[in-house]
Amino acid sequence: MSKAFGGVSALADVTLNLTSGRVHALMGENGAGKSTLIKLMAGVLKPDRISVSKNGNPLQLNDAQDAHEAGFRFIHQELNIVPQVSVAENILLGRDLPRRFRFLIDWNKVKTQAEEALAFLGTTHIDVTKPAGDLAAGDKMMMKIATALVSADENEPVLYVLDEPTAALTGEESEMLFDVIERLKSKGAAILYVSHRIDEILRICDDVTVLRDGKFVTTNKISKTSKADIIQAMTGRDFKDAYPKRGVSIGTKTIVSLKGINTANLHNLTFDIRAGEILGVSGLAESGQSQLLKLFMGIGRIKAGTASFIDEELPCSPSDAWARAVAYIPRERRGEALCLDMSARANIVLPHLGDYGFYAKPWLENKDAHELGEKVKLKSNGVAQPVRQLSGGNQQKTVFARAIQGNPKLLLLDEPTRGVDIGAKYDIYHLVRELSAKGCAVILTSTDLPEVLGMCDRILVMQEGRQAHLLDRGEMTSANLLSHFYTNHEAN
């Protein structure tokens, strides 16, 4: 498989062999060519050169319909859904809906097929008649996975391609998915599994192929490789310390102070954050982590308690927050952070346009965006490139470049490394450490427990929107943290 864009090679003569009944991992840093490879297999990109065979017979993949008829099913990383229509309609999107009397849609069968696909996943709590946009992020991903599992499929699937399927899932939901993968394996399906979570790859995959800069690096059996081998193959370098150590002591100045805060969704929040401190916020999915961050962006009304940001009231709106040096990295970069058809430059300077004065100054915006891009190690064809064309990791770095432009006093990070590769994660961790060393207070939410334990000075545990516990550094172990997720007690 080969593909170039504008004379720049995205994939160069890559060969991939997938075997029935085995899970094959595809790994590489953002920009390595994984997404291009998947799009070529799906028939949505025209290749410069490709040769495909199925069971030894040549296969043409001219479009997405060819891929579907060949039995290829794709579960993409980004949650591209139609939010206004029902869950059931989203699950059967692109298929001929069952009909009565050849003309009328049989909505009972639509509902049944959708429920059966979710049941195969082990998910029975989702109401398939409700709008898809009302679902939590994890349920949206379960819905997307279910689209590939519709039992009434006219073409028997032989290959499932899963692109970062656990990025938006809880640990429990991920286990349900792993069980489904085992069942698909037992039925003889081949599975191509794309993920940046190396521990996950080592656990559920049988083989691994690594790409770097659009080129094939290696294919190995999982039983004959290691985490260090994969990292070396992906990046060309070793990572001895995944999480950079704190080099500067936490300051004495209080940046954030909450005392007995209650809102419509949050209860009993009492904590302070000092300059340079990194506070982790953890708990089961939908426990209020994102709502807490948004409170500092002026989203949500305080009903009781007192709160301050640098001895003043909390920001009253997102624009007020940015103006007062509060920077926010939201959970869903494509849906909440980026204007995909705009350039990297436009996205970086967007909340800071007031700093350039009454008249536009594109030359100054270009200069700032270029310098910030270099600071976050953004890989692009220049700051004029539309962010839609960037890899997931470089889209996230664009959002970080925006955040650091204002020299933030408070940095809000909601799942900051979701769907980015090990190299980009390392760059992001170092960037957070650098901001912390300059006195920026950081609040970090993440479902990646090693990330929270490795980066944070204290961890706030939340249960159903309520502050349940505040762990100091000496208490921060994986077992202790997980025990507080499920133990009902008041914060101390």
Protein backbone atom coordinates (compact mmCIF):
# COMPACT_ATOMS: atom_id res chain seq x y z
CA MET A 1 0.00 0.00 0.00
CA SER A 2 1.29 3.45 -0.96
CA LYS A 3 -0.25 6.92 -0.74
CA ALA A 4 1.12 10.45 -1.00
CA PHE A 5 -0.54 13.83 -0.42
CA GLY A 6 0.80 16.79 -2.36
CA GLY A 7 4.02 14.95 -3.10
CA VAL A 8 4.54 14.05 0.60
CA SER A 9 4.49 10.31 1.26
CA ALA A 10 1.98 9.24 3.93
CA LEU A 11 2.39 5.51 3.33
CA ALA A 12 5.26 3.93 1.43
CA ASP A 13 5.03 0.33 0.21
CA VAL A 14 3.57 -1.10 3.44
CA THR A 15 2.57 -4.77 3.57
CA LEU A 16 0.15 -6.19 6.16
CA ASN A 17 -0.94 -9.82 6.58
CA LEU A 18 -4.03 -10.49 8.71
CA THR A 19 -4.98 -14.00 9.79
CA SER A 20 -8.38 -15.37 10.80
CA GLY A 21 -8.81 -16.00 14.51
CA ARG A 22 -5.97 -13.63 15.48
CA VAL A 23 -5.82 -10.05 16.76
CA HIS A 24 -3.18 -8.01 14.93
CA ALA A 25 -2.07 -4.72 16.52
CA LEU A 26 -1.13 -1.75 14.33
CA MET A 27 1.06 0.74 16.16
CA GLY A 28 2.99 3.90 15.45
CA GLU A 29 3.22 7.51 16.52
CA ASN A 30 0.63 10.01 15.30
CA GLY A 31 1.47 10.71 11.68
CA ALA A 32 3.02 7.26 11.17
CA GLY A 33 0.42 6.35 8.53
CA LYS A 34 -2.07 4.26 10.52
CA SER A 35 -5.13 6.35 9.63
CA THR A 36 -4.11 6.45 5.95
CA LEU A 37 -3.74 2.67 5.92
CA ILE A 38 -7.20 2.20 7.47
CA LYS A 39 -8.81 4.60 4.98
CA LEU A 40 -7.23 2.73 2.08
CA MET A 41 -8.59 -0.56 3.43
CA ALA A 42 -12.00 1.06 3.90
CA GLY A 43 -12.06 2.28 0.30
CA VAL A 44 -12.52 5.93 1.28
CA LEU A 45 -9.09 7.01 -0.05
CA LYS A 46 -7.80 6.39 -3.55
CA PRO A 47 -4.40 4.66 -3.28
CA ASP A 48 -1.40 5.45 -5.42
CA ARG A 49 -0.66 1.73 -5.36
CA ILE A 50 -2.37 -1.18 -3.61
CA SER A 51 -2.72 -4.94 -3.95
CA VAL A 52 -5.35 -6.69 -1.79
CA SER A 53 -6.23 -10.36 -1.58
CA LYS A 54 -8.77 -12.26 0.51
CA ASN A 55 -8.28 -15.99 1.04
CA GLY A 56 -5.71 -15.87 -1.78
CA ASN A 57 -8.05 -14.26 -4.30
CA PRO A 58 -7.48 -10.71 -5.66
CA LEU A 59 -9.86 -8.11 -4.27
CA GLN A 60 -10.80 -4.69 -5.59
CA LEU A 61 -11.40 -1.87 -3.08
CA ASN A 62 -12.59 1.02 -5.21
CA ASP A 63 -14.98 2.44 -2.64
CA ALA A 64 -16.53 1.87 0.80
CA GLN A 65 -19.21 -0.39 -0.68
CA ASP A 66 -16.54 -2.76 -1.98
CA ALA A 67 -14.99 -2.97 1.50
CA HIS A 68 -18.39 -3.63 3.08
CA GLU A 69 -19.25 -6.35 0.58
CA ALA A 70 -15.85 -7.95 1.22
CA GLY A 71 -16.85 -8.30 4.89
CA PHE A 72 -14.65 -5.52 6.28
CA ARG A 73 -16.10 -3.62 9.27
CA PHE A 74 -14.58 -0.43 10.67
CA ILE A 75 -14.92 1.20 14.08
CA HIS A 76 -13.23 4.58 13.90
CA GLN A 77 -11.67 6.52 16.75
CA GLU A 78 -13.62 9.76 16.36
CA LEU A 79 -17.21 9.75 17.61
CA ASN A 80 -18.79 10.80 14.32
CA ILE A 81 -22.47 10.33 15.02
CA VAL A 82 -25.77 11.94 14.00
CA PRO A 83 -26.77 13.38 17.39
CA GLN A 84 -30.33 14.36 16.47
CA VAL A 85 -31.54 10.87 15.51
CA SER A 86 -31.99 7.81 17.69
CA VAL A 87 -29.33 5.40 18.87
CA ALA A 88 -30.98 2.65 16.81
CA GLU A 89 -30.83 4.72 13.62
CA ASN A 90 -27.16 5.50 14.24
CA ILE A 91 -26.36 1.80 14.72
CA LEU A 92 -28.04 0.89 11.42
CA LEU A 93 -26.77 3.98 9.58
CA GLY A 94 -25.74 3.19 6.00
CA ARG A 95 -27.77 -0.02 5.87
CA ASP A 96 -31.12 -0.67 4.27
CA LEU A 97 -33.56 -0.44 7.16
CA PRO A 98 -35.97 -3.38 7.56
CA ARG A 99 -39.32 -2.67 5.95
CA ARG A 100 -42.93 -3.78 6.04
CA PHE A 101 -44.85 -4.18 2.79
CA ARG A 102 -41.63 -3.08 0.96
CA PHE A 103 -42.28 0.61 1.64
CA LEU A 104 -42.82 1.26 5.37
CA ILE A 105 -39.84 1.17 7.75
CA ASP A 106 -40.32 -1.53 10.39
CA TRP A 107 -39.28 0.45 13.45
CA ASN A 108 -39.79 -2.54 15.77
CA LYS A 109 -37.19 -4.52 13.81
CA VAL A 110 -34.85 -1.51 13.74
CA LYS A 111 -35.09 -1.33 17.54
CA THR A 112 -34.63 -5.10 17.90
CA GLN A 113 -31.54 -5.25 15.66
CA ALA A 114 -29.94 -2.34 17.51
CA GLU A 115 -30.65 -3.89 20.91
CA GLU A 116 -29.24 -7.24 19.77
CA ALA A 117 -26.01 -5.59 18.60
CA LEU A 118 -25.62 -3.81 21.96
CA ALA A 119 -26.49 -7.02 23.83
CA PHE A 120 -23.66 -8.80 21.99
CA LEU A 121 -21.41 -6.19 23.58
CA GLY A 122 -22.96 -6.87 26.98
CA THR A 123 -24.58 -3.43 27.04
CA THR A 124 -28.26 -3.43 28.00
CA HIS A 125 -28.69 -0.06 29.76
CA ILE A 126 -28.78 2.11 26.61
CA ASP A 127 -32.23 3.17 25.42
CA VAL A 128 -31.98 2.80 21.64
CA THR A 129 -34.95 5.12 21.07
CA LYS A 130 -33.32 8.18 22.65
CA PRO A 131 -31.26 10.71 20.64
CA ALA A 132 -27.65 9.59 20.23
CA GLY A 133 -26.42 13.05 21.20
CA ASP A 134 -27.76 12.55 24.74
CA LEU A 135 -25.40 9.64 25.45
CA ALA A 136 -22.27 9.90 27.57
CA ALA A 137 -18.97 9.60 25.68
CA GLY A 138 -18.44 5.96 26.70
CA ASP A 139 -21.95 4.98 25.61
CA LYS A 140 -21.44 6.76 22.28
CA MET A 141 -18.37 4.60 21.65
CA MET A 142 -20.27 1.44 22.63
CA MET A 143 -22.94 2.51 20.13
CA LYS A 144 -20.28 2.96 17.42
CA ILE A 145 -18.84 -0.47 18.16
CA ALA A 146 -22.33 -1.97 17.94
CA THR A 147 -22.65 -0.70 14.34
CA ALA A 148 -20.17 -3.39 13.30
CA LEU A 149 -22.06 -6.12 15.18
CA VAL A 150 -25.53 -5.90 13.63
CA SER A 151 -26.69 -9.53 13.36
CA ALA A 152 -28.87 -9.00 10.28
CA ASP A 153 -25.84 -8.09 8.19
CA GLU A 154 -26.19 -9.28 4.63
CA ASN A 155 -22.41 -9.88 4.27
CA GLU A 156 -20.67 -12.06 6.83
CA PRO A 157 -17.85 -10.00 8.39
CA VAL A 158 -14.37 -11.50 8.04
CA LEU A 159 -12.33 -8.52 9.30
CA TYR A 160 -12.94 -6.00 12.05
CA VAL A 161 -10.78 -2.88 12.19
CA LEU A 162 -10.92 -1.15 15.59
CA ASP A 163 -9.25 2.28 15.82
CA GLU A 164 -8.62 3.36 19.44
CA PRO A 165 -11.85 1.67 20.60
CA THR A 166 -11.13 2.01 24.34
CA ALA A 167 -10.10 5.69 24.28
CA ALA A 168 -13.52 6.81 25.54
CA LEU A 169 -14.37 3.67 27.56
CA THR A 170 -14.17 2.97 31.27
CA GLY A 171 -12.21 -0.01 32.55
CA GLU A 172 -15.41 -2.05 32.87
CA GLU A 173 -16.55 -1.17 29.35
CA SER A 174 -13.10 -2.04 27.99
CA GLU A 175 -13.34 -5.48 29.60
CA MET A 176 -16.70 -6.01 27.88
CA LEU A 177 -15.09 -5.11 24.54
CA PHE A 178 -12.18 -7.51 25.13
CA ASP A 179 -14.71 -10.30 25.76
CA VAL A 180 -16.42 -9.48 22.44
CA ILE A 181 -13.04 -9.59 20.67
CA GLU A 182 -12.43 -13.08 22.04
CA ARG A 183 -15.83 -14.20 20.77
CA LEU A 184 -15.15 -12.73 17.33
CA LYS A 185 -11.78 -14.52 17.28
CA SER A 186 -13.46 -17.81 18.12
CA LYS A 187 -15.78 -17.32 15.12
CA GLY A 188 -12.73 -17.04 12.85
CA ALA A 189 -12.72 -13.28 12.26
CA ALA A 190 -9.47 -11.40 11.74
CA ILE A 191 -9.11 -8.27 13.86
CA LEU A 192 -6.87 -5.28 13.23
CA TYR A 193 -6.53 -3.40 16.52
CA VAL A 194 -5.12 0.14 16.57
CA SER A 195 -4.23 1.59 19.96
CA HIS A 196 -1.59 3.67 21.73
CA ARG A 197 -2.12 1.73 24.96
CA ILE A 198 0.81 -0.67 24.87
CA ASP A 199 -0.24 -2.65 27.97
CA GLU A 200 -3.59 -3.28 26.26
CA ILE A 201 -1.84 -4.46 23.08
CA LEU A 202 0.39 -6.86 25.01
CA ARG A 203 -2.65 -8.32 26.75
CA ILE A 204 -5.16 -8.95 23.94
CA CYS A 205 -3.19 -9.09 20.67
CA ASP A 206 -1.41 -11.99 18.99
CA ASP A 207 0.77 -10.03 16.54
CA VAL A 208 1.97 -6.45 16.17
CA THR A 209 3.07 -4.35 13.19
CA VAL A 210 4.80 -1.01 13.76
CA LEU A 211 4.90 1.90 11.29
CA ARG A 212 7.13 4.97 11.49
CA ASP A 213 6.91 7.99 9.17
CA GLY A 214 4.70 6.04 6.74
CA LYS A 215 7.13 3.13 6.44
CA PHE A 216 7.00 -0.45 7.67
CA VAL A 217 9.34 -1.05 10.62
CA THR A 218 8.60 -4.52 11.96
CA THR A 219 6.05 -7.29 12.49
CA ASN A 220 6.40 -9.64 15.46
CA LYS A 221 4.40 -12.10 17.50
CA ILE A 222 3.39 -10.53 20.80
CA SER A 223 4.91 -13.50 22.62
CA LYS A 224 8.30 -12.54 21.20
CA THR A 225 8.25 -8.79 21.88
CA SER A 226 8.17 -6.41 24.84
CA LYS A 227 6.94 -2.94 25.73
CA ALA A 228 10.46 -1.54 25.34
CA ASP A 229 10.80 -3.19 21.91
CA ILE A 230 7.55 -1.61 20.70
CA ILE A 231 8.48 1.87 21.98
CA GLN A 232 11.90 1.63 20.34
CA ALA A 233 10.33 0.54 17.03
CA MET A 234 7.70 3.30 17.14
CA THR A 235 9.94 6.20 18.07
CA GLY A 236 13.51 5.17 17.38
CA ARG A 237 14.39 6.10 20.95
CA ASP A 238 14.01 4.76 24.50
CA PHE A 239 11.79 6.20 27.22
CA LYS A 240 13.29 5.33 30.57
CA ASP A 241 10.99 7.61 32.58
CA ALA A 242 7.47 7.76 31.21
CA TYR A 243 6.53 10.59 33.57
CA PRO A 244 9.04 13.43 34.05
CA LYS A 245 9.87 14.12 37.68
CA ARG A 246 9.04 17.34 39.49
CA GLY A 247 12.10 19.58 39.41
CA VAL A 248 10.74 22.64 41.25
CA SER A 249 8.90 22.74 44.57
CA ILE A 250 5.23 23.67 44.70
CA GLY A 251 4.74 27.37 45.44
CA THR A 252 3.09 28.87 48.52
CA LYS A 253 0.58 31.15 46.78
CA THR A 254 -2.99 29.84 46.62
CA ILE A 255 -4.33 29.95 43.06
CA VAL A 256 -7.68 28.22 43.60
CA SER A 257 -9.76 27.88 46.75
CA LEU A 258 -13.12 26.11 47.04
CA LYS A 259 -15.04 25.81 50.33
CA GLY A 260 -18.29 23.84 50.52
CA ILE A 261 -19.15 24.37 46.87
CA ASN A 262 -22.46 23.06 45.54
CA THR A 263 -23.85 23.42 42.02
CA ALA A 264 -26.59 21.58 40.14
CA ASN A 265 -24.19 18.67 39.47
CA LEU A 266 -21.39 19.08 42.03
CA HIS A 267 -21.53 18.72 45.80
CA ASN A 268 -19.31 19.28 48.84
CA LEU A 269 -16.17 20.52 47.04
CA THR A 270 -13.52 21.81 49.43
CA PHE A 271 -9.88 22.09 48.37
CA ASP A 272 -7.08 24.56 47.58
CA ILE A 273 -4.51 24.44 44.78
CA ARG A 274 -1.18 26.23 45.08
CA ALA A 275 1.00 27.71 42.36
CA GLY A 276 2.74 24.95 40.41
CA GLU A 277 0.68 22.15 41.93
CA ILE A 278 -0.83 19.44 39.74
CA LEU A 279 -4.11 18.17 41.16
CA GLY A 280 -5.53 15.00 39.68
CA VAL A 281 -9.28 14.44 39.56
CA SER A 282 -10.32 10.82 39.28
CA GLY A 283 -13.26 8.49 39.79
CA LEU A 284 -15.67 6.32 37.87
CA ALA A 285 -16.97 7.61 34.53
CA GLU A 286 -19.35 10.58 34.66
CA SER A 287 -18.59 11.32 38.32
CA GLY A 288 -18.41 15.06 37.69
CA GLN A 289 -14.80 15.45 36.55
CA SER A 290 -15.61 17.47 33.43
CA GLN A 291 -18.22 19.59 35.23
CA LEU A 292 -15.59 20.55 37.82
CA LEU A 293 -13.23 21.82 35.12
CA LYS A 294 -16.01 23.72 33.38
CA LEU A 295 -16.85 25.47 36.65
CA PHE A 296 -13.53 27.32 36.34
CA MET A 297 -14.50 28.30 32.79
CA GLY A 298 -17.59 30.08 34.07
CA ILE A 299 -19.95 27.24 33.10
CA GLY A 300 -22.25 26.30 35.98
CA ARG A 301 -23.80 28.41 38.75
CA ILE A 302 -22.61 28.08 42.35
CA LYS A 303 -25.57 27.54 44.68
CA ALA A 304 -23.69 27.38 47.97
CA GLY A 305 -20.15 27.84 49.29
CA THR A 306 -17.33 30.20 48.40
CA ALA A 307 -14.80 29.98 45.59
CA SER A 308 -11.88 32.12 44.48
CA PHE A 309 -9.30 32.27 41.73
CA ILE A 310 -6.21 34.29 42.73
CA ASP A 311 -8.22 36.01 45.53
CA GLU A 312 -11.05 37.02 43.18
CA GLU A 313 -14.33 35.45 42.10
CA LEU A 314 -14.25 32.61 39.60
CA PRO A 315 -14.57 33.60 35.92
CA CYS A 316 -18.16 34.23 34.84
CA SER A 317 -17.82 32.98 31.25
CA PRO A 318 -15.32 31.18 28.97
CA SER A 319 -14.17 34.49 27.46
CA ASP A 320 -13.63 35.90 30.95
CA ALA A 321 -11.67 32.76 31.89
CA TRP A 322 -9.32 33.04 28.90
CA ALA A 323 -8.87 36.77 29.55
CA ARG A 324 -7.83 35.98 33.14
CA ALA A 325 -5.25 33.35 32.12
CA VAL A 326 -7.33 30.22 32.62
CA ALA A 327 -6.62 27.74 29.80
CA TYR A 328 -8.79 24.73 29.02
CA ILE A 329 -8.07 21.52 27.09
CA PRO A 330 -11.47 19.80 26.69
CA ARG A 331 -12.08 16.07 26.48
CA GLU A 332 -13.26 15.89 22.85
CA ARG A 333 -10.79 17.92 20.80
CA ARG A 334 -12.67 17.58 17.50
CA GLY A 335 -16.10 18.33 18.94
CA GLU A 336 -15.23 20.85 21.67
CA ALA A 337 -11.85 22.42 20.95
CA LEU A 338 -11.13 22.71 17.25
CA CYS A 339 -12.59 24.39 14.17
CA LEU A 340 -11.54 21.60 11.84
CA ASP A 341 -11.73 23.49 8.55
CA MET A 342 -9.73 26.43 9.89
CA SER A 343 -5.94 26.61 9.94
CA ALA A 344 -3.71 25.68 12.84
CA ARG A 345 -2.91 29.40 13.19
CA ALA A 346 -6.58 30.39 13.45
CA ASN A 347 -7.23 27.70 16.05
CA ILE A 348 -4.22 28.66 18.14
CA VAL A 349 -5.01 32.37 18.36
CA LEU A 350 -8.81 32.03 18.51
CA PRO A 351 -9.40 32.91 22.19
CA HIS A 352 -6.61 35.50 22.16
CA LEU A 353 -7.75 37.69 19.26
CA GLY A 354 -8.47 40.57 21.64
CA ASP A 355 -4.76 40.72 22.47
CA TYR A 356 -4.00 41.81 18.88
CA GLY A 357 -6.02 45.00 19.08
CA PHE A 358 -8.98 46.30 17.11
CA TYR A 359 -7.52 45.49 13.67
CA ALA A 360 -6.44 42.04 12.49
CA LYS A 361 -2.69 41.46 12.42
CA PRO A 362 -2.19 38.25 10.42
CA TRP A 363 1.61 38.66 10.28
CA LEU A 364 1.76 38.77 14.09
CA GLU A 365 -0.67 35.87 14.41
CA ASN A 366 1.53 33.86 12.04
CA LYS A 367 4.63 34.67 14.07
CA ASP A 368 3.01 33.71 17.38
CA ALA A 369 1.44 30.53 15.99
CA HIS A 370 4.76 29.45 14.48
CA GLU A 371 6.66 30.02 17.74
CA LEU A 372 4.01 28.25 19.81
CA GLY A 373 3.92 25.37 17.33
CA GLU A 374 7.66 24.91 17.75
CA LYS A 375 7.30 25.04 21.52
CA VAL A 376 4.77 22.18 21.55
CA LYS A 377 6.66 20.28 18.79
CA LEU A 378 3.76 20.54 16.33
CA LYS A 379 4.35 18.55 13.14
CA SER A 380 2.55 20.14 10.19
CA ASN A 381 3.09 21.63 6.74
CA GLY A 382 2.96 25.08 8.31
CA VAL A 383 0.50 26.94 10.50
CA ALA A 384 -1.73 27.61 7.48
CA GLN A 385 -2.55 23.89 7.19
CA PRO A 386 -6.19 23.04 8.14
CA VAL A 387 -6.24 21.14 11.42
CA ARG A 388 -8.54 18.52 9.86
CA GLN A 389 -5.48 17.28 7.96
CA LEU A 390 -3.36 16.85 11.09
CA SER A 391 -2.96 13.60 13.01
CA GLY A 392 -4.76 13.24 16.35
CA GLY A 393 -1.61 13.95 18.35
CA ASN A 394 -0.85 17.09 16.36
CA GLN A 395 -4.44 18.27 16.68
CA GLN A 396 -4.00 17.92 20.45
CA LYS A 397 -0.72 19.85 20.28
CA THR A 398 -2.57 22.63 18.44
CA VAL A 399 -4.96 22.86 21.38
CA PHE A 400 -1.98 22.96 23.77
CA ALA A 401 -0.35 25.72 21.72
CA ARG A 402 -3.53 27.76 22.19
CA ALA A 403 -3.47 27.07 25.93
CA ILE A 404 0.09 28.23 26.53
CA GLN A 405 -0.18 31.41 24.44
CA GLY A 406 -1.66 33.33 27.36
CA ASN A 407 0.95 32.12 29.91
CA PRO A 408 -1.82 30.50 31.97
CA LYS A 409 -2.10 30.75 35.73
CA LEU A 410 -4.51 27.78 35.78
CA LEU A 411 -4.46 24.95 33.23
CA LEU A 412 -7.49 22.64 33.00
CA LEU A 413 -6.78 19.28 31.35
CA ASP A 414 -9.65 16.89 30.58
CA GLU A 415 -8.20 13.59 29.29
CA PRO A 416 -5.24 15.44 27.72
CA THR A 417 -3.55 12.39 26.16
CA ARG A 418 -6.61 10.53 24.89
CA GLY A 419 -5.86 8.98 21.49
CA VAL A 420 -2.28 10.26 21.19
CA ASP A 421 0.83 8.15 20.77
CA ILE A 422 3.61 7.49 23.29
CA GLY A 423 5.89 10.15 21.78
CA ALA A 424 3.21 12.85 21.81
CA LYS A 425 2.26 11.85 25.37
CA TYR A 426 5.87 12.31 26.45
CA ASP A 427 5.96 15.77 24.85
CA ILE A 428 2.68 16.72 26.58
CA TYR A 429 3.91 15.52 29.98
CA HIS A 430 7.08 17.60 29.64
CA LEU A 431 5.03 20.62 28.60
CA VAL A 432 2.80 20.27 31.67
CA ARG A 433 5.88 19.94 33.90
CA GLU A 434 7.39 23.08 32.37
CA LEU A 435 4.21 25.08 32.99
CA SER A 436 4.05 23.73 36.54
CA ALA A 437 7.67 24.79 37.15
CA LYS A 438 6.70 28.34 36.10
CA GLY A 439 3.98 28.46 38.76
CA CYS A 440 0.96 27.42 36.70
CA ALA A 441 -1.56 25.44 38.74
CA VAL A 442 -2.91 22.38 36.90
CA ILE A 443 -6.08 20.32 37.28
CA LEU A 444 -5.88 17.04 35.37
CA THR A 445 -8.63 14.48 34.84
CA SER A 446 -7.81 11.14 33.25
CA THR A 447 -9.09 7.58 33.10
CA ASP A 448 -5.45 6.48 32.67
CA LEU A 449 -4.58 5.75 36.30
CA PRO A 450 -0.78 5.44 35.75
CA GLU A 451 -0.93 8.93 34.18
CA VAL A 452 -2.72 10.40 37.20
CA LEU A 453 -0.39 8.65 39.64
CA GLY A 454 2.72 9.57 37.65
CA MET A 455 1.97 13.26 37.06
CA CYS A 456 -0.05 14.52 40.04
CA ASP A 457 0.89 15.83 43.47
CA ARG A 458 -2.52 15.05 45.00
CA ILE A 459 -5.62 13.28 43.71
CA LEU A 460 -9.23 14.29 44.31
CA VAL A 461 -11.60 11.30 44.08
CA MET A 462 -15.18 12.04 42.99
CA GLN A 463 -18.31 9.91 43.27
CA GLU A 464 -21.53 10.97 41.55
CA GLY A 465 -20.49 14.63 41.55
CA ARG A 466 -19.43 14.58 45.19
CA GLN A 467 -15.93 14.97 46.60
CA ALA A 468 -15.24 11.61 48.24
CA HIS A 469 -11.55 11.72 49.17
CA LEU A 470 -8.39 13.79 48.70
CA LEU A 471 -5.24 11.67 48.53
CA ASP A 472 -1.85 13.09 49.46
CA ARG A 473 1.32 11.94 47.72
CA GLY A 474 2.04 9.25 50.30
CA GLU A 475 -1.39 7.65 49.79
CA MET A 476 -1.19 7.56 45.99
CA THR A 477 -1.05 3.93 44.92
CA SER A 478 -3.15 2.26 42.26
CA ALA A 479 -4.82 -0.09 44.76
CA ASN A 480 -5.58 2.73 47.21
CA LEU A 481 -6.96 4.96 44.47
CA LEU A 482 -9.25 2.25 43.09
CA SER A 483 -10.53 1.38 46.56
CA HIS A 484 -11.75 4.97 46.98
CA PHE A 485 -13.67 4.76 43.70
CA TYR A 486 -16.07 2.25 45.25
CA THR A 487 -16.02 3.17 48.95
CA ASN A 488 -18.69 5.60 50.13
CA HIS A 489 -17.23 8.11 52.56
CA GLU A 490 -16.88 11.85 52.92
CA ALA A 491 -13.70 13.62 51.87
CA ASN A 492 -10.95 14.06 54.43
